[in-house]
Amino acid sequence: MKVTYIHHSGFFVELDHVGLLFDYYTGELPCRLGEKPVVVFASHRHGDHFSQEIFRQFPENREGEVRYVLSYDIREKFVPEEKRSKTLWVKSHTVTELTVPWGKQGEAEKLEIETFRSTDEGVAFLVRCQGMTIYHAGDLNNWFWNGEPDSWNHNMAANYGKELGRIKESMGGQPVDVAFVPLDPRLEDKFCLGLDQFMKTVGAKEVFPMHCWDDYDVIRRLKEMTCSEDYRDRIAEIKKDGDSFEI
């Protein structure tokens, strides 16, 4: 598996027979994107997670090998009419199977896509494919904002914990292979709450911080904190757009 960080919360995951593109809205796509079928995911409608640009990124002669999986809050009018037959809209707490053709001998790759309810907008994705599990949180996070009423933050923590419990149950207590989880410096001293809870509740063999708003120093800060002692060696050190990692 090869993981390429594109920008913000955008990642391209390259498996043997299929590519998975998550929450792209800007940035340079890997040149190999057109070499195999691609499933494009958008977790919700926010402009830093979804752009209509995803419908303009693929050569026309590859169009039959591209599928789109969009959160239910992305309205149909934003999808070009000719792409709607290739688009699947998903709600939270659903499990969907998607079959993608590849190769010249009629081979096909099957994906299982499970969704979870975001604590902000849209959904989070848990994708099972080729024996691997890939989790993309979208905006599912413990959004603890200093200055908000205690009741609001407590409710946020409870909702986040409930979704993490669902993911843990779905995984049977085993860690996911790769996780993309927010690490947002705007949350000030609470910036790592959500990622830390995810790693201690669900766990991942490799976790990629995202939603950092180009402040990659938060990754270093987390790795130096006592709370990350048990998993800091599994935190990917993203330094710039385009960084790639072999898993």
C-alpha atoms as a PDB file:
ATOM      1  CA  MET A   1       0.000   0.000   0.000  1.00  0.00           C
ATOM      2  CA  LYS A   2       1.221   3.478  -0.838  1.00  0.00           C
ATOM      3  CA  VAL A   3      -0.256   6.567   0.808  1.00  0.00           C
ATOM      4  CA  THR A   4       0.223  10.041  -0.684  1.00  0.00           C
ATOM      5  CA  TYR A   5      -0.727  13.138   1.269  1.00  0.00           C
ATOM      6  CA  ILE A   6      -2.285  15.681  -1.084  1.00  0.00           C
ATOM      7  CA  HIS A   7      -3.434  18.584   1.084  1.00  0.00           C
ATOM      8  CA  HIS A   8      -5.330  19.234   4.331  1.00  0.00           C
ATOM      9  CA  SER A   9      -7.524  16.091   4.644  1.00  0.00           C
ATOM     10  CA  GLY A  10      -6.891  14.810   1.121  1.00  0.00           C
ATOM     11  CA  PHE A  11      -5.093  11.493   0.650  1.00  0.00           C
ATOM     12  CA  PHE A  12      -4.588   8.998  -2.167  1.00  0.00           C
ATOM     13  CA  VAL A  13      -4.280   5.349  -1.133  1.00  0.00           C
ATOM     14  CA  GLU A  14      -2.871   3.049  -3.784  1.00  0.00           C
ATOM     15  CA  LEU A  15      -3.665  -0.666  -3.447  1.00  0.00           C
ATOM     16  CA  ASP A  16      -2.707  -3.372  -5.924  1.00  0.00           C
ATOM     17  CA  HIS A  17      -5.831  -3.103  -8.053  1.00  0.00           C
ATOM     18  CA  VAL A  18      -7.569   0.119  -7.065  1.00  0.00           C
ATOM     19  CA  GLY A  19      -6.850   3.655  -5.861  1.00  0.00           C
ATOM     20  CA  LEU A  20      -8.825   5.404  -3.116  1.00  0.00           C
ATOM     21  CA  LEU A  21      -8.977   9.212  -3.137  1.00  0.00           C
ATOM     22  CA  PHE A  22     -10.292  10.837   0.053  1.00  0.00           C
ATOM     23  CA  ASP A  23     -11.591  14.389   0.586  1.00  0.00           C
ATOM     24  CA  TYR A  24      -9.803  16.043  -2.311  1.00  0.00           C
ATOM     25  CA  TYR A  25     -10.506  19.703  -2.968  1.00  0.00           C
ATOM     26  CA  THR A  26      -7.156  21.094  -4.085  1.00  0.00           C
ATOM     27  CA  GLY A  27      -3.556  20.084  -4.668  1.00  0.00           C
ATOM     28  CA  GLU A  28      -1.541  18.003  -7.097  1.00  0.00           C
ATOM     29  CA  LEU A  29      -2.815  14.488  -7.670  1.00  0.00           C
ATOM     30  CA  PRO A  30      -0.388  11.565  -8.094  1.00  0.00           C
ATOM     31  CA  CYS A  31       0.420  11.024 -11.764  1.00  0.00           C
ATOM     32  CA  ARG A  32      -0.413   7.320 -11.435  1.00  0.00           C
ATOM     33  CA  LEU A  33      -4.030   8.176 -10.661  1.00  0.00           C
ATOM     34  CA  GLY A  34      -5.167   7.243 -14.164  1.00  0.00           C
ATOM     35  CA  GLU A  35      -3.383   3.895 -14.236  1.00  0.00           C
ATOM     36  CA  LYS A  36      -5.989   1.887 -12.302  1.00  0.00           C
ATOM     37  CA  PRO A  37      -9.625   2.182 -11.190  1.00  0.00           C
ATOM     38  CA  VAL A  38     -10.270   4.899  -8.621  1.00  0.00           C
ATOM     39  CA  VAL A  39     -12.941   5.312  -5.966  1.00  0.00           C
ATOM     40  CA  VAL A  40     -13.344   8.951  -4.925  1.00  0.00           C
ATOM     41  CA  PHE A  41     -14.702   9.639  -1.423  1.00  0.00           C
ATOM     42  CA  ALA A  42     -16.063  12.912  -0.035  1.00  0.00           C
ATOM     43  CA  SER A  43     -17.008  12.858   3.647  1.00  0.00           C
ATOM     44  CA  HIS A  44     -19.169  15.996   3.625  1.00  0.00           C
ATOM     45  CA  ARG A  45     -19.980  19.220   1.842  1.00  0.00           C
ATOM     46  CA  HIS A  46     -17.513  21.627   3.504  1.00  0.00           C
ATOM     47  CA  GLY A  47     -15.297  23.390   0.989  1.00  0.00           C
ATOM     48  CA  ASP A  48     -12.117  21.997   2.550  1.00  0.00           C
ATOM     49  CA  HIS A  49     -13.359  18.413   2.005  1.00  0.00           C
ATOM     50  CA  PHE A  50     -15.371  18.499  -1.209  1.00  0.00           C
ATOM     51  CA  SER A  51     -14.985  20.250  -4.542  1.00  0.00           C
ATOM     52  CA  GLN A  52     -16.615  19.708  -7.910  1.00  0.00           C
ATOM     53  CA  GLU A  53     -13.042  19.541  -9.176  1.00  0.00           C
ATOM     54  CA  ILE A  54     -13.139  15.801  -8.410  1.00  0.00           C
ATOM     55  CA  PHE A  55     -15.374  15.372 -11.463  1.00  0.00           C
ATOM     56  CA  ARG A  56     -12.807  17.021 -13.749  1.00  0.00           C
ATOM     57  CA  GLN A  57      -9.655  15.172 -12.722  1.00  0.00           C
ATOM     58  CA  PHE A  58      -9.858  12.006 -14.797  1.00  0.00           C
ATOM     59  CA  PRO A  59      -9.180  11.390 -18.510  1.00  0.00           C
ATOM     60  CA  GLU A  60     -12.366  10.633 -20.387  1.00  0.00           C
ATOM     61  CA  ASN A  61     -11.063   7.289 -21.627  1.00  0.00           C
ATOM     62  CA  ARG A  62     -10.741   6.163 -17.992  1.00  0.00           C
ATOM     63  CA  GLU A  63     -14.133   7.450 -16.912  1.00  0.00           C
ATOM     64  CA  GLY A  64     -15.772   4.027 -16.756  1.00  0.00           C
ATOM     65  CA  GLU A  65     -13.276   3.012 -14.076  1.00  0.00           C
ATOM     66  CA  VAL A  66     -14.022   5.882 -11.666  1.00  0.00           C
ATOM     67  CA  ARG A  67     -16.681   5.711  -8.946  1.00  0.00           C
ATOM     68  CA  TYR A  68     -17.739   8.400  -6.499  1.00  0.00           C
ATOM     69  CA  VAL A  69     -18.875   7.792  -2.913  1.00  0.00           C
ATOM     70  CA  LEU A  70     -20.356  10.958  -1.426  1.00  0.00           C
ATOM     71  CA  SER A  71     -21.899  11.830   1.906  1.00  0.00           C
ATOM     72  CA  TYR A  72     -25.666  12.310   1.875  1.00  0.00           C
ATOM     73  CA  ASP A  73     -25.312  16.063   2.563  1.00  0.00           C
ATOM     74  CA  ILE A  74     -23.657  16.714  -0.828  1.00  0.00           C
ATOM     75  CA  ARG A  75     -26.605  17.617  -3.018  1.00  0.00           C
ATOM     76  CA  GLU A  76     -27.199  15.928  -6.351  1.00  0.00           C
ATOM     77  CA  LYS A  77     -27.135  19.248  -8.192  1.00  0.00           C
ATOM     78  CA  PHE A  78     -23.376  19.494  -7.496  1.00  0.00           C
ATOM     79  CA  VAL A  79     -22.736  16.252  -9.395  1.00  0.00           C
ATOM     80  CA  PRO A  80     -22.652  16.526 -13.207  1.00  0.00           C
ATOM     81  CA  GLU A  81     -25.564  14.641 -14.703  1.00  0.00           C
ATOM     82  CA  GLU A  82     -23.297  12.315 -16.676  1.00  0.00           C
ATOM     83  CA  LYS A  83     -21.501  11.291 -13.438  1.00  0.00           C
ATOM     84  CA  ARG A  84     -24.560  10.466 -11.360  1.00  0.00           C
ATOM     85  CA  SER A  85     -24.796   6.873 -12.544  1.00  0.00           C
ATOM     86  CA  LYS A  86     -21.266   6.402 -11.173  1.00  0.00           C
ATOM     87  CA  THR A  87     -22.076   8.074  -7.849  1.00  0.00           C
ATOM     88  CA  LEU A  88     -23.175   6.467  -4.593  1.00  0.00           C
ATOM     89  CA  TRP A  89     -24.606   8.615  -1.805  1.00  0.00           C
ATOM     90  CA  VAL A  90     -24.229   7.172   1.706  1.00  0.00           C
ATOM     91  CA  LYS A  91     -25.747   7.965   5.083  1.00  0.00           C
ATOM     92  CA  SER A  92     -24.192   7.260   8.471  1.00  0.00           C
ATOM     93  CA  HIS A  93     -24.336   3.820  10.079  1.00  0.00           C
ATOM     94  CA  THR A  94     -24.649   1.925   6.809  1.00  0.00           C
ATOM     95  CA  VAL A  95     -22.610  -0.828   5.177  1.00  0.00           C
ATOM     96  CA  THR A  96     -22.389  -0.861   1.382  1.00  0.00           C
ATOM     97  CA  GLU A  97     -20.550  -3.078  -1.085  1.00  0.00           C
ATOM     98  CA  LEU A  98     -19.055  -1.594  -4.224  1.00  0.00           C
ATOM     99  CA  THR A  99     -17.546  -3.629  -7.052  1.00  0.00           C
ATOM    100  CA  VAL A 100     -14.961  -1.957  -9.283  1.00  0.00           C
ATOM    101  CA  PRO A 101     -13.713  -3.598 -12.504  1.00  0.00           C
ATOM    102  CA  TRP A 102      -9.999  -3.732 -13.212  1.00  0.00           C
ATOM    103  CA  GLY A 103      -7.722  -5.393 -15.736  1.00  0.00           C
ATOM    104  CA  LYS A 104      -8.528  -6.710 -19.211  1.00  0.00           C
ATOM    105  CA  GLN A 105      -9.819 -10.137 -18.199  1.00  0.00           C
ATOM    106  CA  GLY A 106     -12.981  -9.008 -16.467  1.00  0.00           C
ATOM    107  CA  GLU A 107     -11.454  -8.985 -12.982  1.00  0.00           C
ATOM    108  CA  ALA A 108     -13.206  -6.987 -10.274  1.00  0.00           C
ATOM    109  CA  GLU A 109     -12.305  -5.648  -6.835  1.00  0.00           C
ATOM    110  CA  LYS A 110     -14.911  -5.552  -4.080  1.00  0.00           C
ATOM    111  CA  LEU A 111     -14.956  -2.819  -1.436  1.00  0.00           C
ATOM    112  CA  GLU A 112     -16.994  -2.825   1.754  1.00  0.00           C
ATOM    113  CA  ILE A 113     -17.743   0.720   2.884  1.00  0.00           C
ATOM    114  CA  GLU A 114     -19.021   1.299   6.406  1.00  0.00           C
ATOM    115  CA  THR A 115     -19.988   4.773   7.554  1.00  0.00           C
ATOM    116  CA  PHE A 116     -20.141   6.505  10.913  1.00  0.00           C
ATOM    117  CA  ARG A 117     -21.852   9.713  12.021  1.00  0.00           C
ATOM    118  CA  SER A 118     -19.661  12.791  12.087  1.00  0.00           C
ATOM    119  CA  THR A 119     -19.664  15.071  15.116  1.00  0.00           C
ATOM    120  CA  ASP A 120     -19.800  17.932  12.613  1.00  0.00           C
ATOM    121  CA  GLU A 121     -21.129  17.266   9.089  1.00  0.00           C
ATOM    122  CA  GLY A 122     -21.497  14.150   6.972  1.00  0.00           C
ATOM    123  CA  VAL A 123     -19.853  10.802   7.634  1.00  0.00           C
ATOM    124  CA  ALA A 124     -16.602   8.986   8.369  1.00  0.00           C
ATOM    125  CA  PHE A 125     -15.541   6.047   6.197  1.00  0.00           C
ATOM    126  CA  LEU A 126     -14.202   2.608   7.103  1.00  0.00           C
ATOM    127  CA  VAL A 127     -13.182   0.856   3.894  1.00  0.00           C
ATOM    128  CA  ARG A 128     -12.288  -2.831   3.664  1.00  0.00           C
ATOM    129  CA  CYS A 129     -10.489  -3.865   0.493  1.00  0.00           C
ATOM    130  CA  GLN A 130      -7.859  -6.480  -0.413  1.00  0.00           C
ATOM    131  CA  GLY A 131      -7.639  -7.575   3.214  1.00  0.00           C
ATOM    132  CA  MET A 132      -6.857  -4.029   4.424  1.00  0.00           C
ATOM    133  CA  THR A 133      -8.910  -1.631   6.535  1.00  0.00           C
ATOM    134  CA  ILE A 134      -8.656   2.098   5.838  1.00  0.00           C
ATOM    135  CA  TYR A 135     -10.383   4.667   8.072  1.00  0.00           C
ATOM    136  CA  HIS A 136     -10.937   8.288   7.048  1.00  0.00           C
ATOM    137  CA  ALA A 137     -12.554  10.388   9.754  1.00  0.00           C
ATOM    138  CA  GLY A 138     -13.710  13.333   7.670  1.00  0.00           C
ATOM    139  CA  ASP A 139     -14.771  15.741  10.423  1.00  0.00           C
ATOM    140  CA  LEU A 140     -15.561  13.039  12.998  1.00  0.00           C
ATOM    141  CA  ASN A 141     -13.529  14.347  15.908  1.00  0.00           C
ATOM    142  CA  ASN A 142     -13.740  15.541  19.498  1.00  0.00           C
ATOM    143  CA  TRP A 143     -14.229  19.206  18.653  1.00  0.00           C
ATOM    144  CA  PHE A 144     -13.584  20.571  22.141  1.00  0.00           C
ATOM    145  CA  TRP A 145     -13.515  24.334  21.779  1.00  0.00           C
ATOM    146  CA  ASN A 146     -12.208  26.433  24.651  1.00  0.00           C
ATOM    147  CA  GLY A 147     -14.852  29.034  25.436  1.00  0.00           C
ATOM    148  CA  GLU A 148     -17.827  26.868  24.525  1.00  0.00           C
ATOM    149  CA  PRO A 149     -20.203  25.961  27.393  1.00  0.00           C
ATOM    150  CA  ASP A 150     -19.219  22.862  29.362  1.00  0.00           C
ATOM    151  CA  SER A 151     -22.500  21.228  28.358  1.00  0.00           C
ATOM    152  CA  TRP A 152     -21.641  21.628  24.665  1.00  0.00           C
ATOM    153  CA  ASN A 153     -18.154  20.148  25.066  1.00  0.00           C
ATOM    154  CA  HIS A 154     -19.406  17.274  27.236  1.00  0.00           C
ATOM    155  CA  ASN A 155     -22.033  16.433  24.640  1.00  0.00           C
ATOM    156  CA  MET A 156     -19.363  16.549  21.925  1.00  0.00           C
ATOM    157  CA  ALA A 157     -17.142  14.157  23.889  1.00  0.00           C
ATOM    158  CA  ALA A 158     -20.038  11.774  24.483  1.00  0.00           C
ATOM    159  CA  ASN A 159     -21.009  11.684  20.805  1.00  0.00           C
ATOM    160  CA  TYR A 160     -17.417  11.148  19.730  1.00  0.00           C
ATOM    161  CA  GLY A 161     -16.945   8.368  22.237  1.00  0.00           C
ATOM    162  CA  LYS A 162     -20.105   6.671  21.016  1.00  0.00           C
ATOM    163  CA  GLU A 163     -18.864   6.611  17.413  1.00  0.00           C
ATOM    164  CA  LEU A 164     -15.446   5.330  18.444  1.00  0.00           C
ATOM    165  CA  GLY A 165     -17.240   2.532  20.280  1.00  0.00           C
ATOM    166  CA  ARG A 166     -19.088   1.637  17.083  1.00  0.00           C
ATOM    167  CA  ILE A 167     -15.835   1.537  15.114  1.00  0.00           C
ATOM    168  CA  LYS A 168     -14.152  -0.600  17.767  1.00  0.00           C
ATOM    169  CA  GLU A 169     -17.064  -3.036  17.702  1.00  0.00           C
ATOM    170  CA  SER A 170     -17.011  -3.197  13.905  1.00  0.00           C
ATOM    171  CA  MET A 171     -13.291  -3.994  14.012  1.00  0.00           C
ATOM    172  CA  GLY A 172     -13.770  -6.672  16.653  1.00  0.00           C
ATOM    173  CA  GLY A 173     -11.260  -4.926  18.881  1.00  0.00           C
ATOM    174  CA  GLN A 174      -8.514  -5.093  16.241  1.00  0.00           C
ATOM    175  CA  PRO A 175      -6.745  -1.916  15.030  1.00  0.00           C
ATOM    176  CA  VAL A 176      -7.352  -0.574  11.544  1.00  0.00           C
ATOM    177  CA  ASP A 177      -4.424  -0.771   9.151  1.00  0.00           C
ATOM    178  CA  VAL A 178      -4.371   2.914   8.198  1.00  0.00           C
ATOM    179  CA  ALA A 179      -6.261   5.811   9.773  1.00  0.00           C
ATOM    180  CA  PHE A 180      -6.608   9.456   8.750  1.00  0.00           C
ATOM    181  CA  VAL A 181      -7.636  11.502  11.810  1.00  0.00           C
ATOM    182  CA  PRO A 182      -7.889  15.274  12.516  1.00  0.00           C
ATOM    183  CA  LEU A 183      -5.157  17.007  14.506  1.00  0.00           C
ATOM    184  CA  ASP A 184      -6.348  20.607  14.443  1.00  0.00           C
ATOM    185  CA  PRO A 185      -4.195  23.374  15.993  1.00  0.00           C
ATOM    186  CA  ARG A 186      -7.221  25.695  16.251  1.00  0.00           C
ATOM    187  CA  LEU A 187      -8.342  23.634  19.255  1.00  0.00           C
ATOM    188  CA  GLU A 188      -5.387  25.070  21.192  1.00  0.00           C
ATOM    189  CA  ASP A 189      -4.409  22.813  24.116  1.00  0.00           C
ATOM    190  CA  LYS A 190      -7.154  20.318  23.157  1.00  0.00           C
ATOM    191  CA  PHE A 191      -5.712  19.837  19.654  1.00  0.00           C
ATOM    192  CA  CYS A 192      -4.883  16.151  20.148  1.00  0.00           C
ATOM    193  CA  LEU A 193      -7.917  14.947  22.109  1.00  0.00           C
ATOM    194  CA  GLY A 194      -9.647  13.260  19.185  1.00  0.00           C
ATOM    195  CA  LEU A 195      -6.601  11.520  17.717  1.00  0.00           C
ATOM    196  CA  ASP A 196      -5.429  10.368  21.144  1.00  0.00           C
ATOM    197  CA  GLN A 197      -8.860   8.922  21.940  1.00  0.00           C
ATOM    198  CA  PHE A 198      -9.000   7.191  18.570  1.00  0.00           C
ATOM    199  CA  MET A 199      -5.626   5.529  19.048  1.00  0.00           C
ATOM    200  CA  LYS A 200      -6.469   4.394  22.586  1.00  0.00           C
ATOM    201  CA  THR A 201      -9.985   3.181  21.741  1.00  0.00           C
ATOM    202  CA  VAL A 202      -9.749   1.808  18.186  1.00  0.00           C
ATOM    203  CA  GLY A 203      -6.053   1.948  17.306  1.00  0.00           C
ATOM    204  CA  ALA A 204      -4.243   1.929  13.990  1.00  0.00           C
ATOM    205  CA  LYS A 205      -1.076   0.333  12.681  1.00  0.00           C
ATOM    206  CA  GLU A 206      -0.329   3.708  11.071  1.00  0.00           C
ATOM    207  CA  VAL A 207      -2.144   6.986  11.758  1.00  0.00           C
ATOM    208  CA  PHE A 208      -1.936  10.034   9.509  1.00  0.00           C
ATOM    209  CA  PRO A 209      -2.749  13.365  11.176  1.00  0.00           C
ATOM    210  CA  MET A 210      -4.835  15.634   8.948  1.00  0.00           C
ATOM    211  CA  HIS A 211      -6.836  18.881   9.059  1.00  0.00           C
ATOM    212  CA  CYS A 212      -3.704  20.577  10.407  1.00  0.00           C
ATOM    213  CA  TRP A 213      -4.150  23.790   8.357  1.00  0.00           C
ATOM    214  CA  ASP A 214      -0.504  23.534   7.178  1.00  0.00           C
ATOM    215  CA  ASP A 215       0.752  23.623  10.779  1.00  0.00           C
ATOM    216  CA  TYR A 216       2.633  20.309  10.722  1.00  0.00           C
ATOM    217  CA  ASP A 217       4.452  21.191  13.922  1.00  0.00           C
ATOM    218  CA  VAL A 218       1.422  19.837  15.792  1.00  0.00           C
ATOM    219  CA  ILE A 219       2.585  16.360  14.725  1.00  0.00           C
ATOM    220  CA  ARG A 220       5.929  16.891  16.433  1.00  0.00           C
ATOM    221  CA  ARG A 221       4.185  18.280  19.501  1.00  0.00           C
ATOM    222  CA  LEU A 222       1.946  15.230  19.787  1.00  0.00           C
ATOM    223  CA  LYS A 223       4.861  12.816  19.378  1.00  0.00           C
ATOM    224  CA  GLU A 224       6.647  14.558  22.268  1.00  0.00           C
ATOM    225  CA  MET A 225       3.648  14.373  24.612  1.00  0.00           C
ATOM    226  CA  THR A 226       3.403  11.714  27.304  1.00  0.00           C
ATOM    227  CA  CYS A 227      -0.060  10.669  26.129  1.00  0.00           C
ATOM    228  CA  SER A 228       1.342   9.382  22.811  1.00  0.00           C
ATOM    229  CA  GLU A 229       4.037   7.189  24.361  1.00  0.00           C
ATOM    230  CA  ASP A 230       2.352   3.916  23.365  1.00  0.00           C
ATOM    231  CA  TYR A 231       1.684   4.879  19.737  1.00  0.00           C
ATOM    232  CA  ARG A 232       4.035   7.725  18.748  1.00  0.00           C
ATOM    233  CA  ASP A 233       6.075   5.438  16.503  1.00  0.00           C
ATOM    234  CA  ARG A 234       2.906   4.806  14.477  1.00  0.00           C
ATOM    235  CA  ILE A 235       2.249   8.497  13.763  1.00  0.00           C
ATOM    236  CA  ALA A 236       3.155   9.417  10.182  1.00  0.00           C
ATOM    237  CA  GLU A 237       5.362  12.503  10.012  1.00  0.00           C
ATOM    238  CA  ILE A 238       3.819  14.611   7.278  1.00  0.00           C
ATOM    239  CA  LYS A 239       5.907  17.647   6.417  1.00  0.00           C
ATOM    240  CA  LYS A 240       4.480  18.918   3.137  1.00  0.00           C
ATOM    241  CA  ASP A 241       1.979  18.315   0.351  1.00  0.00           C
ATOM    242  CA  GLY A 242       2.969  15.363  -1.802  1.00  0.00           C
ATOM    243  CA  ASP A 243       4.705  13.333   0.917  1.00  0.00           C
ATOM    244  CA  SER A 244       4.373   9.596   0.215  1.00  0.00           C
ATOM    245  CA  PHE A 245       4.593   6.615   2.538  1.00  0.00           C
ATOM    246  CA  GLU A 246       4.939   2.877   1.889  1.00  0.00           C
ATOM    247  CA  ILE A 247       2.884   0.834   4.328  1.00  0.00           C
END
